[in-house]
């Protein structure tokens, strides 16, 4: 066993949760940087806002693991169970997150659309 890790299960679980949260943040930052580096000609045209002062509703979103959210979840952008901290992601990124172990939302079931059988 590695000597730099605590020997007891509660502290190991805490480290696991923090590492999962940090990995989600890193992936979100990577996606943001990739989106900034994409040439404007290949980027999809932005949809108009839903109304004055309203933000665009993403097609897919990532709810990061944290307090009250035990694991990273993928949601449809219009899901009522998504919470307040939804990070907008592309369909490809949502598929990749599901493949990496993120849980699909039990309400909107994005896995049925993103991974048709």
C-alpha atoms as a PDB file:
ATOM      1  CA  UNK A   1       0.000   0.000   0.000  1.00  0.00           C
ATOM      2  CA  UNK A   2       1.060   3.594  -0.544  1.00  0.00           C
ATOM      3  CA  UNK A   3       2.363   5.339   2.567  1.00  0.00           C
ATOM      4  CA  UNK A   4       0.995   8.745   1.574  1.00  0.00           C
ATOM      5  CA  UNK A   5      -2.675   7.675   1.923  1.00  0.00           C
ATOM      6  CA  UNK A   6      -4.562   7.420   5.213  1.00  0.00           C
ATOM      7  CA  UNK A   7      -5.177   3.891   6.496  1.00  0.00           C
ATOM      8  CA  UNK A   8      -8.844   4.300   7.510  1.00  0.00           C
ATOM      9  CA  UNK A   9     -11.925   4.055   5.315  1.00  0.00           C
ATOM     10  CA  UNK A  10     -13.647   7.368   6.264  1.00  0.00           C
ATOM     11  CA  UNK A  11     -10.643   9.467   5.264  1.00  0.00           C
ATOM     12  CA  UNK A  12     -10.106   7.411   2.110  1.00  0.00           C
ATOM     13  CA  UNK A  13     -13.761   8.004   1.147  1.00  0.00           C
ATOM     14  CA  UNK A  14     -13.300  11.725   1.748  1.00  0.00           C
ATOM     15  CA  UNK A  15     -10.246  11.758  -0.507  1.00  0.00           C
ATOM     16  CA  UNK A  16     -12.164   9.796  -3.143  1.00  0.00           C
ATOM     17  CA  UNK A  17     -15.031  12.316  -3.101  1.00  0.00           C
ATOM     18  CA  UNK A  18     -12.659  15.266  -3.354  1.00  0.00           C
ATOM     19  CA  UNK A  19     -10.733  13.643  -6.203  1.00  0.00           C
ATOM     20  CA  UNK A  20     -13.954  12.934  -8.130  1.00  0.00           C
ATOM     21  CA  UNK A  21     -15.094  16.529  -7.641  1.00  0.00           C
ATOM     22  CA  UNK A  22     -11.715  17.876  -8.736  1.00  0.00           C
ATOM     23  CA  UNK A  23     -11.708  15.623 -11.828  1.00  0.00           C
ATOM     24  CA  UNK A  24     -15.151  16.936 -12.777  1.00  0.00           C
ATOM     25  CA  UNK A  25     -13.899  20.516 -12.446  1.00  0.00           C
ATOM     26  CA  UNK A  26     -10.845  19.712 -14.583  1.00  0.00           C
ATOM     27  CA  UNK A  27     -13.035  18.167 -17.287  1.00  0.00           C
ATOM     28  CA  UNK A  28     -15.333  21.196 -17.274  1.00  0.00           C
ATOM     29  CA  UNK A  29     -12.323  23.513 -17.648  1.00  0.00           C
ATOM     30  CA  UNK A  30     -10.942  21.369 -20.498  1.00  0.00           C
ATOM     31  CA  UNK A  31     -14.296  21.576 -22.280  1.00  0.00           C
ATOM     32  CA  UNK A  32     -14.387  25.364 -21.827  1.00  0.00           C
ATOM     33  CA  UNK A  33     -10.857  25.778 -23.201  1.00  0.00           C
ATOM     34  CA  UNK A  34     -11.609  23.442 -26.123  1.00  0.00           C
ATOM     35  CA  UNK A  35     -14.736  25.435 -26.881  1.00  0.00           C
ATOM     36  CA  UNK A  36     -12.754  28.691 -26.875  1.00  0.00           C
ATOM     37  CA  UNK A  37     -10.162  27.220 -29.232  1.00  0.00           C
ATOM     38  CA  UNK A  38     -12.745  25.933 -31.726  1.00  0.00           C
ATOM     39  CA  UNK A  39     -12.796  28.126 -34.842  1.00  0.00           C
ATOM     40  CA  UNK A  40     -15.962  30.212 -35.103  1.00  0.00           C
ATOM     41  CA  UNK A  41     -16.762  28.827 -38.561  1.00  0.00           C
ATOM     42  CA  UNK A  42     -17.210  25.278 -37.215  1.00  0.00           C
ATOM     43  CA  UNK A  43     -19.056  26.276 -34.069  1.00  0.00           C
ATOM     44  CA  UNK A  44     -22.801  25.774 -34.037  1.00  0.00           C
ATOM     45  CA  UNK A  45     -24.815  28.980 -34.248  1.00  0.00           C
ATOM     46  CA  UNK A  46     -26.009  30.170 -30.889  1.00  0.00           C
ATOM     47  CA  UNK A  47     -29.713  29.872 -30.196  1.00  0.00           C
ATOM     48  CA  UNK A  48     -31.460  33.063 -29.193  1.00  0.00           C
ATOM     49  CA  UNK A  49     -32.168  33.499 -25.506  1.00  0.00           C
ATOM     50  CA  UNK A  50     -35.558  32.378 -24.256  1.00  0.00           C
ATOM     51  CA  UNK A  51     -36.501  35.956 -23.474  1.00  0.00           C
ATOM     52  CA  UNK A  52     -35.105  39.268 -22.286  1.00  0.00           C
ATOM     53  CA  UNK A  53     -32.471  38.698 -19.656  1.00  0.00           C
ATOM     54  CA  UNK A  54     -32.799  34.904 -19.795  1.00  0.00           C
ATOM     55  CA  UNK A  55     -29.857  32.609 -20.315  1.00  0.00           C
ATOM     56  CA  UNK A  56     -29.748  29.899 -22.968  1.00  0.00           C
ATOM     57  CA  UNK A  57     -30.915  26.472 -21.793  1.00  0.00           C
ATOM     58  CA  UNK A  58     -28.261  23.896 -22.702  1.00  0.00           C
ATOM     59  CA  UNK A  59     -29.202  20.644 -24.414  1.00  0.00           C
ATOM     60  CA  UNK A  60     -27.142  18.600 -21.934  1.00  0.00           C
ATOM     61  CA  UNK A  61     -25.636  19.337 -18.580  1.00  0.00           C
ATOM     62  CA  UNK A  62     -23.360  17.937 -15.925  1.00  0.00           C
ATOM     63  CA  UNK A  63     -24.231  18.215 -12.230  1.00  0.00           C
ATOM     64  CA  UNK A  64     -20.955  17.850 -10.366  1.00  0.00           C
ATOM     65  CA  UNK A  65     -20.637  15.633  -7.321  1.00  0.00           C
ATOM     66  CA  UNK A  66     -20.517  17.545  -4.088  1.00  0.00           C
ATOM     67  CA  UNK A  67     -22.645  18.384  -1.086  1.00  0.00           C
ATOM     68  CA  UNK A  68     -26.065  16.814  -1.615  1.00  0.00           C
ATOM     69  CA  UNK A  69     -24.994  15.223  -4.918  1.00  0.00           C
ATOM     70  CA  UNK A  70     -23.148  11.957  -4.200  1.00  0.00           C
ATOM     71  CA  UNK A  71     -22.025  11.303  -7.798  1.00  0.00           C
ATOM     72  CA  UNK A  72     -21.666  13.257 -11.026  1.00  0.00           C
ATOM     73  CA  UNK A  73     -24.929  13.180 -12.990  1.00  0.00           C
ATOM     74  CA  UNK A  74     -25.790  13.918 -16.604  1.00  0.00           C
ATOM     75  CA  UNK A  75     -29.072  15.768 -17.246  1.00  0.00           C
ATOM     76  CA  UNK A  76     -31.055  17.097 -20.164  1.00  0.00           C
ATOM     77  CA  UNK A  77     -30.866  20.880 -20.137  1.00  0.00           C
ATOM     78  CA  UNK A  78     -34.583  21.227 -19.427  1.00  0.00           C
ATOM     79  CA  UNK A  79     -34.653  18.689 -16.569  1.00  0.00           C
ATOM     80  CA  UNK A  80     -36.416  19.972 -13.466  1.00  0.00           C
ATOM     81  CA  UNK A  81     -34.185  17.833 -11.212  1.00  0.00           C
ATOM     82  CA  UNK A  82     -30.910  19.288 -12.458  1.00  0.00           C
ATOM     83  CA  UNK A  83     -30.243  21.629  -9.536  1.00  0.00           C
ATOM     84  CA  UNK A  84     -28.625  25.044  -9.730  1.00  0.00           C
ATOM     85  CA  UNK A  85     -25.053  24.118 -10.644  1.00  0.00           C
ATOM     86  CA  UNK A  86     -25.526  22.518 -14.057  1.00  0.00           C
ATOM     87  CA  UNK A  87     -22.488  22.823 -16.334  1.00  0.00           C
ATOM     88  CA  UNK A  88     -23.483  22.931 -20.014  1.00  0.00           C
ATOM     89  CA  UNK A  89     -21.796  20.200 -22.078  1.00  0.00           C
ATOM     90  CA  UNK A  90     -22.013  18.926 -25.648  1.00  0.00           C
ATOM     91  CA  UNK A  91     -23.701  15.646 -26.534  1.00  0.00           C
ATOM     92  CA  UNK A  92     -20.277  14.111 -27.187  1.00  0.00           C
ATOM     93  CA  UNK A  93     -19.007  15.166 -23.763  1.00  0.00           C
ATOM     94  CA  UNK A  94     -22.188  13.882 -22.108  1.00  0.00           C
ATOM     95  CA  UNK A  95     -21.690  10.506 -23.827  1.00  0.00           C
ATOM     96  CA  UNK A  96     -18.050  10.439 -22.687  1.00  0.00           C
ATOM     97  CA  UNK A  97     -19.014  11.271 -19.098  1.00  0.00           C
ATOM     98  CA  UNK A  98     -21.603   8.475 -19.095  1.00  0.00           C
ATOM     99  CA  UNK A  99     -18.954   6.085 -20.416  1.00  0.00           C
ATOM    100  CA  UNK A 100     -16.557   7.239 -17.664  1.00  0.00           C
ATOM    101  CA  UNK A 101     -19.051   6.388 -14.919  1.00  0.00           C
ATOM    102  CA  UNK A 102     -21.232   9.481 -14.513  1.00  0.00           C
ATOM    103  CA  UNK A 103     -24.788   8.541 -13.595  1.00  0.00           C
ATOM    104  CA  UNK A 104     -27.713   9.441 -15.857  1.00  0.00           C
ATOM    105  CA  UNK A 105     -30.468  11.407 -14.150  1.00  0.00           C
ATOM    106  CA  UNK A 106     -33.289   9.106 -13.047  1.00  0.00           C
ATOM    107  CA  UNK A 107     -35.863  11.769 -13.992  1.00  0.00           C
ATOM    108  CA  UNK A 108     -34.917  12.872 -17.527  1.00  0.00           C
ATOM    109  CA  UNK A 109     -32.982   9.693 -18.499  1.00  0.00           C
ATOM    110  CA  UNK A 110     -30.434  11.254 -20.911  1.00  0.00           C
ATOM    111  CA  UNK A 111     -28.848   7.838 -21.453  1.00  0.00           C
ATOM    112  CA  UNK A 112     -31.892   6.763 -23.473  1.00  0.00           C
ATOM    113  CA  UNK A 113     -31.293   9.552 -25.976  1.00  0.00           C
ATOM    114  CA  UNK A 114     -27.504   9.682 -25.926  1.00  0.00           C
ATOM    115  CA  UNK A 115     -26.995   5.911 -26.102  1.00  0.00           C
ATOM    116  CA  UNK A 116     -29.922   4.545 -28.131  1.00  0.00           C
ATOM    117  CA  UNK A 117     -30.137   0.761 -28.012  1.00  0.00           C
END
